[in-house]
C-alpha atoms as a PDB file:
ATOM      1  CA  UNK A   1      93.811  81.459 116.542  1.00  0.00           C
ATOM      2  CA  UNK A   2      90.988  81.448 119.087  1.00  0.00           C
ATOM      3  CA  UNK A   3      87.198  81.739 118.907  1.00  0.00           C
ATOM      4  CA  UNK A   4      86.246  83.866 121.909  1.00  0.00           C
ATOM      5  CA  UNK A   5      83.212  85.540 123.403  1.00  0.00           C
ATOM      6  CA  UNK A   6      84.344  89.140 123.849  1.00  0.00           C
ATOM      7  CA  UNK A   7      82.690  91.986 125.739  1.00  0.00           C
ATOM      8  CA  UNK A   8      81.930  95.271 123.993  1.00  0.00           C
ATOM      9  CA  UNK A   9      83.802  98.022 125.830  1.00  0.00           C
ATOM     10  CA  UNK A  10      82.734 100.840 123.513  1.00  0.00           C
ATOM     11  CA  UNK A  11      81.163 101.312 120.089  1.00  0.00           C
ATOM     12  CA  UNK A  12      81.272 104.839 118.705  1.00  0.00           C
ATOM     13  CA  UNK A  13      81.086 106.847 115.510  1.00  0.00           C
ATOM     14  CA  UNK A  14      84.467 108.288 114.500  1.00  0.00           C
ATOM     15  CA  UNK A  15      83.640 109.696 111.033  1.00  0.00           C
ATOM     16  CA  UNK A  16      80.867 109.746 108.453  1.00  0.00           C
ATOM     17  CA  UNK A  17      79.482 106.201 108.365  1.00  0.00           C
ATOM     18  CA  UNK A  18      82.548 104.862 110.214  1.00  0.00           C
ATOM     19  CA  UNK A  19      82.450 103.346 113.694  1.00  0.00           C
ATOM     20  CA  UNK A  20      85.093 101.949 116.022  1.00  0.00           C
ATOM     21  CA  UNK A  21      84.218  99.070 118.311  1.00  0.00           C
ATOM     22  CA  UNK A  22      86.506  98.103 121.196  1.00  0.00           C
ATOM     23  CA  UNK A  23      86.270  94.581 122.570  1.00  0.00           C
ATOM     24  CA  UNK A  24      87.701  93.168 125.782  1.00  0.00           C
ATOM     25  CA  UNK A  25      88.848  89.596 125.269  1.00  0.00           C
ATOM     26  CA  UNK A  26      88.345  87.004 128.024  1.00  0.00           C
ATOM     27  CA  UNK A  27      92.005  85.934 127.722  1.00  0.00           C
ATOM     28  CA  UNK A  28      95.296  87.181 126.364  1.00  0.00           C
ATOM     29  CA  UNK A  29      95.865  86.283 122.704  1.00  0.00           C
ATOM     30  CA  UNK A  30      99.454  87.509 122.596  1.00  0.00           C
ATOM     31  CA  UNK A  31     100.821  90.093 120.193  1.00  0.00           C
ATOM     32  CA  UNK A  32      98.472  90.947 117.321  1.00  0.00           C
ATOM     33  CA  UNK A  33     100.421  92.471 114.439  1.00  0.00           C
ATOM     34  CA  UNK A  34      99.459  95.273 112.099  1.00  0.00           C
ATOM     35  CA  UNK A  35      97.786  93.707 109.075  1.00  0.00           C
ATOM     36  CA  UNK A  36      96.115  90.850 110.938  1.00  0.00           C
ATOM     37  CA  UNK A  37      92.344  90.783 111.214  1.00  0.00           C
ATOM     38  CA  UNK A  38      89.427  89.329 113.156  1.00  0.00           C
ATOM     39  CA  UNK A  39      86.179  87.700 112.051  1.00  0.00           C
ATOM     40  CA  UNK A  40      83.506  89.360 114.167  1.00  0.00           C
ATOM     41  CA  UNK A  41      79.868  88.435 114.613  1.00  0.00           C
ATOM     42  CA  UNK A  42      77.339  91.259 114.310  1.00  0.00           C
ATOM     43  CA  UNK A  43      75.278  90.013 117.238  1.00  0.00           C
ATOM     44  CA  UNK A  44      72.247  89.697 114.966  1.00  0.00           C
ATOM     45  CA  UNK A  45      70.916  86.247 114.096  1.00  0.00           C
ATOM     46  CA  UNK A  46      69.618  87.564 110.774  1.00  0.00           C
ATOM     47  CA  UNK A  47      73.211  88.252 109.673  1.00  0.00           C
ATOM     48  CA  UNK A  48      75.019  84.996 110.338  1.00  0.00           C
ATOM     49  CA  UNK A  49      78.232  85.645 108.399  1.00  0.00           C
ATOM     50  CA  UNK A  50      80.898  87.295 110.487  1.00  0.00           C
ATOM     51  CA  UNK A  51      82.657  90.432 109.263  1.00  0.00           C
ATOM     52  CA  UNK A  52      86.415  90.397 108.548  1.00  0.00           C
ATOM     53  CA  UNK A  53      87.838  93.560 110.102  1.00  0.00           C
ATOM     54  CA  UNK A  54      91.462  94.640 110.308  1.00  0.00           C
ATOM     55  CA  UNK A  55      92.774  95.241 113.799  1.00  0.00           C
ATOM     56  CA  UNK A  56      93.399  98.957 114.338  1.00  0.00           C
ATOM     57  CA  UNK A  57      94.510  99.071 117.981  1.00  0.00           C
ATOM     58  CA  UNK A  58      95.618  96.220 120.243  1.00  0.00           C
ATOM     59  CA  UNK A  59      96.368  96.978 123.884  1.00  0.00           C
ATOM     60  CA  UNK A  60      96.501  94.103 126.333  1.00  0.00           C
ATOM     61  CA  UNK A  61      93.186  92.265 126.157  1.00  0.00           C
ATOM     62  CA  UNK A  62      91.454  95.189 124.408  1.00  0.00           C
ATOM     63  CA  UNK A  63      91.275  95.280 120.612  1.00  0.00           C
ATOM     64  CA  UNK A  64      89.677  97.945 118.455  1.00  0.00           C
ATOM     65  CA  UNK A  65      88.421  97.461 114.914  1.00  0.00           C
ATOM     66  CA  UNK A  66      86.701  99.947 112.643  1.00  0.00           C
ATOM     67  CA  UNK A  67      83.909  99.324 110.180  1.00  0.00           C
ATOM     68  CA  UNK A  68      81.915 101.165 107.558  1.00  0.00           C
ATOM     69  CA  UNK A  69      78.117 100.939 107.683  1.00  0.00           C
ATOM     70  CA  UNK A  70      77.224  99.422 104.317  1.00  0.00           C
ATOM     71  CA  UNK A  71      74.395  96.931 104.872  1.00  0.00           C
ATOM     72  CA  UNK A  72      72.080  95.434 107.451  1.00  0.00           C
ATOM     73  CA  UNK A  73      74.812  93.608 109.340  1.00  0.00           C
ATOM     74  CA  UNK A  74      77.084  96.570 109.926  1.00  0.00           C
ATOM     75  CA  UNK A  75      74.093  98.818 110.575  1.00  0.00           C
ATOM     76  CA  UNK A  76      72.989  96.476 113.353  1.00  0.00           C
ATOM     77  CA  UNK A  77      76.565  96.237 114.647  1.00  0.00           C
ATOM     78  CA  UNK A  78      76.591 100.028 115.062  1.00  0.00           C
ATOM     79  CA  UNK A  79      73.706  99.725 117.558  1.00  0.00           C
ATOM     80  CA  UNK A  80      75.409  97.152 119.785  1.00  0.00           C
ATOM     81  CA  UNK A  81      75.854  98.673 123.235  1.00  0.00           C
ATOM     82  CA  UNK A  82      78.559  98.442 125.876  1.00  0.00           C
ATOM     83  CA  UNK A  83      78.467  95.178 127.807  1.00  0.00           C
ATOM     84  CA  UNK A  84      77.099  93.024 124.970  1.00  0.00           C
ATOM     85  CA  UNK A  85      78.944  89.818 124.120  1.00  0.00           C
ATOM     86  CA  UNK A  86      80.103  89.154 120.564  1.00  0.00           C
ATOM     87  CA  UNK A  87      81.868  86.113 119.143  1.00  0.00           C
ATOM     88  CA  UNK A  88      85.241  86.888 117.581  1.00  0.00           C
ATOM     89  CA  UNK A  89      87.762  84.663 115.811  1.00  0.00           C
ATOM     90  CA  UNK A  90      91.346  85.962 116.033  1.00  0.00           C
ATOM     91  CA  UNK A  91      94.056  86.658 115.149  1.00  0.00           C
ATOM     92  CA  UNK A  92      93.769  85.800 111.455  1.00  0.00           C
ATOM     93  CA  UNK A  93      96.045  86.240 108.463  1.00  0.00           C
ATOM     94  CA  UNK A  94      99.612  87.414 108.084  1.00  0.00           C
ATOM     95  CA  UNK A  95     100.948  90.903 108.680  1.00  0.00           C
ATOM     96  CA  UNK A  96     103.274  93.639 107.498  1.00  0.00           C
ATOM     97  CA  UNK A  97     106.652  92.136 108.415  1.00  0.00           C
ATOM     98  CA  UNK A  98     108.989  95.124 108.669  1.00  0.00           C
ATOM     99  CA  UNK A  99     111.922  93.497 110.486  1.00  0.00           C
ATOM    100  CA  UNK A 100     114.306  94.194 107.589  1.00  0.00           C
ATOM    101  CA  UNK A 101     113.202  97.767 106.963  1.00  0.00           C
ATOM    102  CA  UNK A 102     113.811 101.096 108.677  1.00  0.00           C
ATOM    103  CA  UNK A 103     112.247 103.817 106.510  1.00  0.00           C
ATOM    104  CA  UNK A 104     108.748 102.915 105.346  1.00  0.00           C
ATOM    105  CA  UNK A 105     106.299 104.730 103.089  1.00  0.00           C
ATOM    106  CA  UNK A 106     102.636 104.233 104.062  1.00  0.00           C
ATOM    107  CA  UNK A 107      99.914 104.722 101.442  1.00  0.00           C
ATOM    108  CA  UNK A 108      96.318 104.400 102.594  1.00  0.00           C
ATOM    109  CA  UNK A 109      92.857 105.162 101.325  1.00  0.00           C
ATOM    110  CA  UNK A 110      89.486 105.214 103.097  1.00  0.00           C
ATOM    111  CA  UNK A 111      88.830 102.283 105.431  1.00  0.00           C
ATOM    112  CA  UNK A 112      92.151 100.812 104.325  1.00  0.00           C
ATOM    113  CA  UNK A 113      93.925 103.024 106.846  1.00  0.00           C
ATOM    114  CA  UNK A 114      93.088 100.883 109.876  1.00  0.00           C
ATOM    115  CA  UNK A 115      95.598  98.008 109.485  1.00  0.00           C
ATOM    116  CA  UNK A 116      98.176 100.646 108.551  1.00  0.00           C
ATOM    117  CA  UNK A 117      97.522 102.457 111.826  1.00  0.00           C
ATOM    118  CA  UNK A 118      98.105  99.211 113.713  1.00  0.00           C
ATOM    119  CA  UNK A 119     101.419  98.797 111.888  1.00  0.00           C
ATOM    120  CA  UNK A 120     102.528 102.348 112.657  1.00  0.00           C
ATOM    121  CA  UNK A 121     101.607 101.873 116.316  1.00  0.00           C
ATOM    122  CA  UNK A 122     103.563  98.623 116.458  1.00  0.00           C
ATOM    123  CA  UNK A 123     106.794 100.014 115.014  1.00  0.00           C
ATOM    124  CA  UNK A 124     106.790 103.804 115.495  1.00  0.00           C
ATOM    125  CA  UNK A 125     109.458 103.644 118.229  1.00  0.00           C
ATOM    126  CA  UNK A 126     112.090 102.104 115.976  1.00  0.00           C
ATOM    127  CA  UNK A 127     111.097 102.894 112.388  1.00  0.00           C
ATOM    128  CA  UNK A 128     110.396 106.016 110.361  1.00  0.00           C
ATOM    129  CA  UNK A 129     107.041 106.196 108.593  1.00  0.00           C
ATOM    130  CA  UNK A 130     106.247 108.593 105.754  1.00  0.00           C
ATOM    131  CA  UNK A 131     102.475 108.407 105.474  1.00  0.00           C
ATOM    132  CA  UNK A 132     100.232 109.513 102.599  1.00  0.00           C
ATOM    133  CA  UNK A 133      96.583 109.093 103.472  1.00  0.00           C
ATOM    134  CA  UNK A 134      93.589 109.856 101.286  1.00  0.00           C
ATOM    135  CA  UNK A 135      90.000 110.417 102.363  1.00  0.00           C
ATOM    136  CA  UNK A 136      86.836 111.189 100.416  1.00  0.00           C
ATOM    137  CA  UNK A 137      86.230 114.513 102.198  1.00  0.00           C
ATOM    138  CA  UNK A 138      86.725 116.286 105.530  1.00  0.00           C
ATOM    139  CA  UNK A 139      83.870 114.347 107.129  1.00  0.00           C
ATOM    140  CA  UNK A 140      85.641 111.050 106.446  1.00  0.00           C
ATOM    141  CA  UNK A 141      88.907 112.043 108.128  1.00  0.00           C
ATOM    142  CA  UNK A 142      89.492 110.038 111.298  1.00  0.00           C
ATOM    143  CA  UNK A 143      92.176 108.890 113.758  1.00  0.00           C
ATOM    144  CA  UNK A 144      94.541 111.648 112.689  1.00  0.00           C
ATOM    145  CA  UNK A 145      96.286 111.580 116.072  1.00  0.00           C
ATOM    146  CA  UNK A 146      97.235 107.951 115.485  1.00  0.00           C
ATOM    147  CA  UNK A 147      98.542 108.781 112.003  1.00  0.00           C
ATOM    148  CA  UNK A 148     100.658 111.571 113.499  1.00  0.00           C
ATOM    149  CA  UNK A 149     102.911 108.893 114.983  1.00  0.00           C
ATOM    150  CA  UNK A 150     104.478 108.964 111.524  1.00  0.00           C
ATOM    151  CA  UNK A 151     107.679 110.955 110.968  1.00  0.00           C
ATOM    152  CA  UNK A 152     105.890 112.701 108.095  1.00  0.00           C
ATOM    153  CA  UNK A 153     102.141 112.762 107.495  1.00  0.00           C
ATOM    154  CA  UNK A 154     100.332 114.042 104.417  1.00  0.00           C
ATOM    155  CA  UNK A 155      96.524 113.900 104.406  1.00  0.00           C
ATOM    156  CA  UNK A 156      94.655 114.642 101.178  1.00  0.00           C
ATOM    157  CA  UNK A 157      90.998 114.539 100.172  1.00  0.00           C
ATOM    158  CA  UNK A 158      89.214 113.908  96.900  1.00  0.00           C
ATOM    159  CA  UNK A 159      87.411 117.248  97.054  1.00  0.00           C
ATOM    160  CA  UNK A 160      90.045 119.356  98.808  1.00  0.00           C
ATOM    161  CA  UNK A 161      87.863 119.974 101.846  1.00  0.00           C
ATOM    162  CA  UNK A 162      90.710 118.846 104.141  1.00  0.00           C
ATOM    163  CA  UNK A 163      94.363 119.158 103.210  1.00  0.00           C
ATOM    164  CA  UNK A 164      95.151 119.371  99.525  1.00  0.00           C
ATOM    165  CA  UNK A 165      92.909 118.075  96.755  1.00  0.00           C
ATOM    166  CA  UNK A 166      94.717 114.926  95.677  1.00  0.00           C
ATOM    167  CA  UNK A 167      94.862 111.185  96.157  1.00  0.00           C
ATOM    168  CA  UNK A 168      97.307 109.226  98.298  1.00  0.00           C
ATOM    169  CA  UNK A 169      99.265 107.640  95.432  1.00  0.00           C
ATOM    170  CA  UNK A 170      99.726 110.940  93.606  1.00  0.00           C
ATOM    171  CA  UNK A 171     100.744 112.720  96.823  1.00  0.00           C
ATOM    172  CA  UNK A 172     103.434 110.102  97.458  1.00  0.00           C
ATOM    173  CA  UNK A 173     104.797 110.242  93.905  1.00  0.00           C
ATOM    174  CA  UNK A 174     105.336 114.000  94.244  1.00  0.00           C
ATOM    175  CA  UNK A 175     107.673 113.331  97.191  1.00  0.00           C
ATOM    176  CA  UNK A 176     109.100 109.966  96.134  1.00  0.00           C
ATOM    177  CA  UNK A 177     112.418 111.274  94.846  1.00  0.00           C
ATOM    178  CA  UNK A 178     113.207 112.820  98.220  1.00  0.00           C
ATOM    179  CA  UNK A 179     112.426 109.771 100.353  1.00  0.00           C
ATOM    180  CA  UNK A 180     115.021 107.022 100.813  1.00  0.00           C
ATOM    181  CA  UNK A 181     112.458 104.340 101.592  1.00  0.00           C
ATOM    182  CA  UNK A 182     113.309 100.697 102.295  1.00  0.00           C
ATOM    183  CA  UNK A 183     109.711  99.534 101.803  1.00  0.00           C
ATOM    184  CA  UNK A 184     106.209 100.676 100.894  1.00  0.00           C
ATOM    185  CA  UNK A 185     103.080  99.372 102.603  1.00  0.00           C
ATOM    186  CA  UNK A 186      99.584 100.105 101.348  1.00  0.00           C
ATOM    187  CA  UNK A 187      95.935  99.322 101.888  1.00  0.00           C
ATOM    188  CA  UNK A 188      92.868 100.778 100.263  1.00  0.00           C
ATOM    189  CA  UNK A 189      90.312 100.240  97.520  1.00  0.00           C
ATOM    190  CA  UNK A 190      91.348  97.936  94.647  1.00  0.00           C
ATOM    191  CA  UNK A 191      91.519 100.824  92.177  1.00  0.00           C
ATOM    192  CA  UNK A 192      94.034 102.593  94.418  1.00  0.00           C
ATOM    193  CA  UNK A 193      96.249  99.523  94.611  1.00  0.00           C
ATOM    194  CA  UNK A 194      96.063  98.975  90.841  1.00  0.00           C
ATOM    195  CA  UNK A 195      97.128 102.558  90.221  1.00  0.00           C
ATOM    196  CA  UNK A 196      99.917 102.223  92.774  1.00  0.00           C
ATOM    197  CA  UNK A 197     101.318  99.132  91.051  1.00  0.00           C
ATOM    198  CA  UNK A 198     101.126 100.817  87.652  1.00  0.00           C
ATOM    199  CA  UNK A 199     102.749 104.055  88.829  1.00  0.00           C
ATOM    200  CA  UNK A 200     105.600 102.294  90.634  1.00  0.00           C
ATOM    201  CA  UNK A 201     106.434 100.515  87.390  1.00  0.00           C
ATOM    202  CA  UNK A 202     106.064 103.632  85.248  1.00  0.00           C
ATOM    203  CA  UNK A 203     108.327 105.652  87.541  1.00  0.00           C
ATOM    204  CA  UNK A 204     110.963 102.927  87.901  1.00  0.00           C
ATOM    205  CA  UNK A 205     110.476 102.711  91.679  1.00  0.00           C
ATOM    206  CA  UNK A 206     111.918  99.350  92.734  1.00  0.00           C
ATOM    207  CA  UNK A 207     111.260  99.722  96.468  1.00  0.00           C
ATOM    208  CA  UNK A 208     109.644  96.522  97.837  1.00  0.00           C
ATOM    209  CA  UNK A 209     105.908  97.125  98.156  1.00  0.00           C
ATOM    210  CA  UNK A 210     103.492  95.143 100.309  1.00  0.00           C
ATOM    211  CA  UNK A 211      99.730  95.533 100.106  1.00  0.00           C
ATOM    212  CA  UNK A 212      96.850  94.360 102.263  1.00  0.00           C
ATOM    213  CA  UNK A 213      93.843  93.256 100.229  1.00  0.00           C
ATOM    214  CA  UNK A 214      90.243  93.900 101.198  1.00  0.00           C
ATOM    215  CA  UNK A 215      88.024  91.003 100.123  1.00  0.00           C
ATOM    216  CA  UNK A 216      84.665  89.543 101.075  1.00  0.00           C
ATOM    217  CA  UNK A 217      85.177  86.470 103.244  1.00  0.00           C
ATOM    218  CA  UNK A 218      83.088  83.664 104.606  1.00  0.00           C
ATOM    219  CA  UNK A 219      85.026  81.558 107.093  1.00  0.00           C
ATOM    220  CA  UNK A 220      88.234  83.597 107.412  1.00  0.00           C
ATOM    221  CA  UNK A 221      90.285  80.397 107.613  1.00  0.00           C
ATOM    222  CA  UNK A 222      90.753  79.362 103.987  1.00  0.00           C
ATOM    223  CA  UNK A 223      88.062  76.699 103.732  1.00  0.00           C
ATOM    224  CA  UNK A 224      85.247  78.428 101.840  1.00  0.00           C
ATOM    225  CA  UNK A 225      87.341  79.940  98.989  1.00  0.00           C
ATOM    226  CA  UNK A 226      85.178  83.074  98.831  1.00  0.00           C
ATOM    227  CA  UNK A 227      88.210  85.382  99.010  1.00  0.00           C
ATOM    228  CA  UNK A 228      90.423  83.856  96.312  1.00  0.00           C
ATOM    229  CA  UNK A 229      92.567  86.285  94.315  1.00  0.00           C
ATOM    230  CA  UNK A 230      94.705  85.746  91.217  1.00  0.00           C
ATOM    231  CA  UNK A 231      98.479  85.515  91.525  1.00  0.00           C
ATOM    232  CA  UNK A 232     100.967  86.872  89.011  1.00  0.00           C
ATOM    233  CA  UNK A 233     102.063  83.347  88.018  1.00  0.00           C
ATOM    234  CA  UNK A 234      98.526  82.402  86.976  1.00  0.00           C
ATOM    235  CA  UNK A 235      97.586  80.624  90.191  1.00  0.00           C
ATOM    236  CA  UNK A 236      95.234  81.460  93.040  1.00  0.00           C
ATOM    237  CA  UNK A 237      95.709  82.606  96.615  1.00  0.00           C
ATOM    238  CA  UNK A 238      93.325  82.784  99.537  1.00  0.00           C
ATOM    239  CA  UNK A 239      93.353  86.297 100.945  1.00  0.00           C
ATOM    240  CA  UNK A 240      92.369  85.145 104.437  1.00  0.00           C
ATOM    241  CA  UNK A 241      94.919  82.322 104.705  1.00  0.00           C
ATOM    242  CA  UNK A 242      97.759  83.313 102.342  1.00  0.00           C
ATOM    243  CA  UNK A 243      97.310  87.045 103.028  1.00  0.00           C
ATOM    244  CA  UNK A 244      95.822  89.520 103.487  1.00  0.00           C
ATOM    245  CA  UNK A 245      99.315  91.018 103.020  1.00  0.00           C
ATOM    246  CA  UNK A 246     101.077  90.231  99.730  1.00  0.00           C
ATOM    247  CA  UNK A 247     104.060  91.521  97.805  1.00  0.00           C
ATOM    248  CA  UNK A 248     102.442  93.711  95.153  1.00  0.00           C
ATOM    249  CA  UNK A 249     104.428  91.922  92.414  1.00  0.00           C
ATOM    250  CA  UNK A 250     103.005  88.536  93.390  1.00  0.00           C
ATOM    251  CA  UNK A 251      99.325  89.271  92.728  1.00  0.00           C
ATOM    252  CA  UNK A 252      97.048  90.572  90.001  1.00  0.00           C
ATOM    253  CA  UNK A 253      95.169  93.740  90.855  1.00  0.00           C
END
């Protein structure tokens, strides 16, 4: 883990209210795995808390993360121009460890797709991905070319304006019987993950499932306890330090 002053290489809109920022690091941080994240400053002194953002693309000393404009901090971040310097703490958290798996189902929703893209990029040469990705509407669809690195890709939208009208979990369940998956990985809004856990149980699907949680964070290192989640055994876990990737059976959703 390093706290570095990175240079903005590009910062562009890729979908409705979604931007991708690419940073050039001053030194090599080694391999950054799909599922790991960074804590990035906005560059604005009025928004001191850094933003935890899942790594989407990592190539050499360049890393790309995507963010949704939701408040003043991310709105300011969207105005940061090429050449600016931003402080970034990385790499943080664990990752989707797929060493023991060959055929992997990917279920993603909204901004949850970005750590999944990093995972597909990392392993697409030696694993088969069957991806089910849900977006709000056609305007929210992004990075489809990256998702096409999957062996099979199904994109659905809430309103049917792109692909079929469906959600990612439902789209997967319609195909589940025909896929011999070794593992399932997922990231998306909490309601999506809750439904996924419920439907896996209801349908008797025992395939190991790993989910990346999206939580508000302060420090990103486990000290502030802002991102605590409940575990299935009645305890607590820090999403930033113990996650963000968990076995779906180990946590409450």
